[in-house]
Amino acid sequence: MGRWIAIGTVPGWDDLDKFTTDLKATGRWRVDPRTTITEVVALADGRVIAECHANTRADFDAWLEKTGFQVDSLTPIAHIARAGDIWKIT
């Protein structure tokens, strides 16, 4: 399973109410049994960072397109350190 980070913009996601409506329901981030949008961060400058754990990049690409995500950068993740836990991805 791979992980990817996308950086870009999504129209309206600088508004907390729209961000919440678009992402709160499980079906909005649990795309299928093998694809999960693990984190979405709306930055103060209007950009959005989204992290995906999926079988293929195409699964993440489909979610990005569905949400209207205008991608500036899409990169595989090599390793992660989160709250003291370290994972090698590739």
Protein backbone atom coordinates (compact mmCIF):
# COMPACT_ATOMS: atom_id res chain seq x y z
CA MET A 1 0.00 0.00 0.00
CA GLY A 2 1.32 3.40 -0.92
CA ARG A 3 0.88 6.83 0.58
CA TRP A 4 0.81 10.14 -1.24
CA ILE A 5 0.66 13.83 -0.34
CA ALA A 6 -1.14 16.32 -2.55
CA ILE A 7 -0.74 20.07 -2.19
CA GLY A 8 -3.07 22.44 -3.96
CA THR A 9 -6.37 24.25 -3.55
CA VAL A 10 -10.03 23.32 -3.33
CA PRO A 11 -12.59 26.07 -3.93
CA GLY A 12 -14.41 26.89 -0.70
CA TRP A 13 -12.28 24.85 1.67
CA ASP A 14 -10.98 28.01 3.31
CA ASP A 15 -14.50 28.20 4.85
CA LEU A 16 -14.78 25.90 7.89
CA ASP A 17 -18.48 25.13 7.30
CA LYS A 18 -17.90 23.97 3.71
CA PHE A 19 -14.73 22.11 4.71
CA THR A 20 -16.71 20.30 7.43
CA THR A 21 -19.67 19.51 5.17
CA ASP A 22 -17.41 18.19 2.41
CA LEU A 23 -15.24 16.00 4.66
CA LYS A 24 -17.09 14.99 7.84
CA ALA A 25 -19.01 11.96 6.55
CA THR A 26 -17.08 8.68 6.51
CA GLY A 27 -17.81 8.18 2.82
CA ARG A 28 -15.95 11.42 2.05
CA TRP A 29 -12.61 10.10 3.35
CA ARG A 30 -13.06 6.32 3.33
CA VAL A 31 -13.23 5.93 -0.44
CA ASP A 32 -13.27 2.11 -0.44
CA PRO A 33 -11.94 -0.68 1.81
CA ARG A 34 -8.37 -0.08 0.60
CA THR A 35 -8.35 3.71 0.09
CA THR A 36 -8.41 6.21 2.95
CA ILE A 37 -7.81 9.94 2.94
CA THR A 38 -5.91 9.96 6.23
CA GLU A 39 -5.58 13.70 6.71
CA VAL A 40 -6.61 16.96 5.07
CA VAL A 41 -5.13 20.23 6.31
CA ALA A 42 -6.40 23.65 5.19
CA LEU A 43 -3.55 26.14 5.47
CA ALA A 44 -4.02 29.81 6.33
CA ASP A 45 -2.73 30.82 2.88
CA GLY A 46 -5.60 28.98 1.13
CA ARG A 47 -3.65 25.89 0.13
CA VAL A 48 -4.73 22.40 1.15
CA ILE A 49 -2.59 19.36 1.97
CA ALA A 50 -4.21 15.93 1.61
CA GLU A 51 -2.66 12.59 2.54
CA CYS A 52 -3.91 9.31 1.10
CA HIS A 53 -3.20 5.66 1.93
CA ALA A 54 -4.24 3.54 -1.08
CA ASN A 55 -3.47 0.55 -3.22
CA THR A 56 -2.69 2.73 -6.25
CA ARG A 57 -2.14 6.39 -6.99
CA ALA A 58 -5.07 6.23 -9.40
CA ASP A 59 -7.38 5.75 -6.40
CA PHE A 60 -6.11 9.03 -4.91
CA ASP A 61 -6.27 10.77 -8.30
CA ALA A 62 -9.97 9.84 -8.55
CA TRP A 63 -10.71 11.35 -5.10
CA LEU A 64 -8.78 14.52 -5.95
CA GLU A 65 -10.76 14.95 -9.15
CA LYS A 66 -14.09 14.24 -7.42
CA THR A 67 -13.44 16.90 -4.75
CA GLY A 68 -12.33 19.54 -7.26
CA PHE A 69 -8.79 19.53 -5.85
CA GLN A 70 -6.55 21.68 -8.05
CA VAL A 71 -3.23 19.87 -7.62
CA ASP A 72 0.03 21.84 -7.49
CA SER A 73 2.10 18.88 -6.31
CA LEU A 74 1.45 15.14 -5.85
CA THR A 75 4.29 13.14 -4.33
CA PRO A 76 4.72 9.62 -2.92
CA ILE A 77 5.66 9.51 0.76
CA ALA A 78 8.96 7.78 1.59
CA HIS A 79 8.70 7.67 5.40
CA ILE A 80 6.64 9.21 8.18
CA ALA A 81 7.29 10.29 11.77
CA ARG A 82 4.06 10.96 13.63
CA ALA A 83 3.90 11.38 17.41
CA GLY A 84 7.08 9.37 17.88
CA ASP A 85 6.14 6.48 15.57
CA ILE A 86 8.24 6.06 12.42
CA TRP A 87 7.12 4.22 9.28
CA LYS A 88 9.04 3.47 6.11
CA ILE A 89 6.60 3.56 3.20
CA THR A 90 8.72 2.90 0.11
